[in-house]
Amino acid sequence: MSHQSGNLLFAFIDDRLDERMRADYPDGVAAYQEDWLKAHHLALAHADAVAAGDGERAAQHLGQLQELADGWDDHPDHPVRTAA
């Protein structure tokens, strides 16, 4: 378990949220902020768990980030696709 796995997922989610907000602007700003904060908190929690050596908690937060990213599972830049 590494910081990189969480960072890759968060960067992907952040990019998709930015795209969605721009497409829905100005109505999409509130949803963007809410979803971005959720993803950011998960990424920070993952990083904290990795730093603490708590693999179980890190995996849990990484799984939650993955669930968020799966909303765009058909996107060509999805981390699962680029890792394959």
C-alpha atoms as a PDB file:
ATOM      1  CA  MET A   1       0.000   0.000   0.000  1.00  0.00           C
ATOM      2  CA  SER A   2       1.456   3.355  -1.008  1.00  0.00           C
ATOM      3  CA  HIS A   3       0.542   7.001  -1.077  1.00  0.00           C
ATOM      4  CA  GLN A   4       0.720   6.871  -4.865  1.00  0.00           C
ATOM      5  CA  SER A   5      -2.342   4.641  -5.257  1.00  0.00           C
ATOM      6  CA  GLY A   6      -4.550   7.104  -3.384  1.00  0.00           C
ATOM      7  CA  ASN A   7      -3.006  10.087  -5.132  1.00  0.00           C
ATOM      8  CA  LEU A   8      -3.671   8.598  -8.571  1.00  0.00           C
ATOM      9  CA  LEU A   9      -7.307   7.961  -7.763  1.00  0.00           C
ATOM     10  CA  PHE A  10      -7.789  11.392  -6.216  1.00  0.00           C
ATOM     11  CA  ALA A  11      -6.193  13.143  -9.214  1.00  0.00           C
ATOM     12  CA  PHE A  12      -8.477  11.213 -11.568  1.00  0.00           C
ATOM     13  CA  ILE A  13     -11.578  12.036  -9.494  1.00  0.00           C
ATOM     14  CA  ASP A  14     -10.536  15.687  -9.217  1.00  0.00           C
ATOM     15  CA  ASP A  15     -10.197  15.971 -12.999  1.00  0.00           C
ATOM     16  CA  ARG A  16     -13.586  14.366 -13.611  1.00  0.00           C
ATOM     17  CA  LEU A  17     -15.261  16.605 -11.030  1.00  0.00           C
ATOM     18  CA  ASP A  18     -13.696  19.644 -12.687  1.00  0.00           C
ATOM     19  CA  GLU A  19     -15.035  18.519 -16.061  1.00  0.00           C
ATOM     20  CA  ARG A  20     -18.487  17.945 -14.628  1.00  0.00           C
ATOM     21  CA  MET A  21     -18.533  21.324 -12.908  1.00  0.00           C
ATOM     22  CA  ARG A  22     -17.518  23.147 -16.087  1.00  0.00           C
ATOM     23  CA  ALA A  23     -20.203  21.317 -18.055  1.00  0.00           C
ATOM     24  CA  ASP A  24     -22.884  22.201 -15.490  1.00  0.00           C
ATOM     25  CA  TYR A  25     -21.639  25.704 -14.595  1.00  0.00           C
ATOM     26  CA  PRO A  26     -22.922  27.606 -12.680  1.00  0.00           C
ATOM     27  CA  ASP A  27     -25.370  25.033 -11.345  1.00  0.00           C
ATOM     28  CA  GLY A  28     -22.651  22.442 -10.816  1.00  0.00           C
ATOM     29  CA  VAL A  29     -20.525  24.409  -8.339  1.00  0.00           C
ATOM     30  CA  ALA A  30     -22.266  23.262  -5.145  1.00  0.00           C
ATOM     31  CA  ALA A  31     -22.197  19.593  -6.176  1.00  0.00           C
ATOM     32  CA  TYR A  32     -18.544  19.965  -7.170  1.00  0.00           C
ATOM     33  CA  GLN A  33     -17.601  21.395  -3.791  1.00  0.00           C
ATOM     34  CA  GLU A  34     -19.443  18.681  -1.886  1.00  0.00           C
ATOM     35  CA  ASP A  35     -18.035  15.819  -3.970  1.00  0.00           C
ATOM     36  CA  TRP A  36     -14.523  17.281  -4.028  1.00  0.00           C
ATOM     37  CA  LEU A  37     -14.463  17.604  -0.242  1.00  0.00           C
ATOM     38  CA  LYS A  38     -15.610  14.001   0.129  1.00  0.00           C
ATOM     39  CA  ALA A  39     -12.880  12.755  -2.206  1.00  0.00           C
ATOM     40  CA  HIS A  40     -10.261  14.986  -0.609  1.00  0.00           C
ATOM     41  CA  HIS A  41     -11.091  13.759   2.890  1.00  0.00           C
ATOM     42  CA  LEU A  42     -10.859  10.147   1.697  1.00  0.00           C
ATOM     43  CA  ALA A  43      -7.499  10.822   0.052  1.00  0.00           C
ATOM     44  CA  LEU A  44      -6.187  12.436   3.233  1.00  0.00           C
ATOM     45  CA  ALA A  45      -7.518   9.589   5.377  1.00  0.00           C
ATOM     46  CA  HIS A  46      -5.822   7.104   3.049  1.00  0.00           C
ATOM     47  CA  ALA A  47      -2.526   8.981   3.268  1.00  0.00           C
ATOM     48  CA  ASP A  48      -2.762   9.153   7.066  1.00  0.00           C
ATOM     49  CA  ALA A  49      -3.447   5.416   7.279  1.00  0.00           C
ATOM     50  CA  VAL A  50      -0.511   4.615   5.006  1.00  0.00           C
ATOM     51  CA  ALA A  51       1.770   6.855   7.059  1.00  0.00           C
ATOM     52  CA  ALA A  52       0.574   5.157  10.249  1.00  0.00           C
ATOM     53  CA  GLY A  53       1.205   1.712   8.767  1.00  0.00           C
ATOM     54  CA  ASP A  54      -2.470   0.783   9.104  1.00  0.00           C
ATOM     55  CA  GLY A  55      -2.934  -1.293   5.966  1.00  0.00           C
ATOM     56  CA  GLU A  56      -6.508  -2.295   6.760  1.00  0.00           C
ATOM     57  CA  ARG A  57      -7.699   1.277   7.169  1.00  0.00           C
ATOM     58  CA  ALA A  58      -5.687   2.403   4.130  1.00  0.00           C
ATOM     59  CA  ALA A  59      -7.309  -0.310   2.021  1.00  0.00           C
ATOM     60  CA  GLN A  60     -10.755   0.729   3.253  1.00  0.00           C
ATOM     61  CA  HIS A  61     -10.206   4.364   2.236  1.00  0.00           C
ATOM     62  CA  LEU A  62      -8.638   3.331  -1.055  1.00  0.00           C
ATOM     63  CA  GLY A  63     -11.711   1.202  -1.758  1.00  0.00           C
ATOM     64  CA  GLN A  64     -13.950   4.175  -1.081  1.00  0.00           C
ATOM     65  CA  LEU A  65     -11.901   6.304  -3.478  1.00  0.00           C
ATOM     66  CA  GLN A  66     -12.169   3.522  -6.050  1.00  0.00           C
ATOM     67  CA  GLU A  67     -15.954   3.510  -5.652  1.00  0.00           C
ATOM     68  CA  LEU A  68     -16.016   7.237  -6.423  1.00  0.00           C
ATOM     69  CA  ALA A  69     -13.751   6.730  -9.445  1.00  0.00           C
ATOM     70  CA  ASP A  70     -15.961   3.918 -10.708  1.00  0.00           C
ATOM     71  CA  GLY A  71     -18.551   6.541 -11.601  1.00  0.00           C
ATOM     72  CA  TRP A  72     -16.328   7.147 -14.617  1.00  0.00           C
ATOM     73  CA  ASP A  73     -15.258   3.548 -15.251  1.00  0.00           C
ATOM     74  CA  ASP A  74     -15.629   3.975 -19.007  1.00  0.00           C
ATOM     75  CA  HIS A  75     -13.269   6.973 -19.094  1.00  0.00           C
ATOM     76  CA  PRO A  76     -10.048   6.241 -21.019  1.00  0.00           C
ATOM     77  CA  ASP A  77      -7.908   7.796 -18.243  1.00  0.00           C
ATOM     78  CA  HIS A  78      -9.428   5.668 -15.480  1.00  0.00           C
ATOM     79  CA  PRO A  79      -6.546   4.479 -13.267  1.00  0.00           C
ATOM     80  CA  VAL A  80      -7.573   0.823 -13.655  1.00  0.00           C
ATOM     81  CA  ARG A  81      -7.324   1.142 -17.452  1.00  0.00           C
ATOM     82  CA  THR A  82      -4.002   2.982 -17.407  1.00  0.00           C
ATOM     83  CA  ALA A  83      -2.512   0.447 -14.976  1.00  0.00           C
ATOM     84  CA  ALA A  84      -3.394  -2.489 -17.213  1.00  0.00           C
END
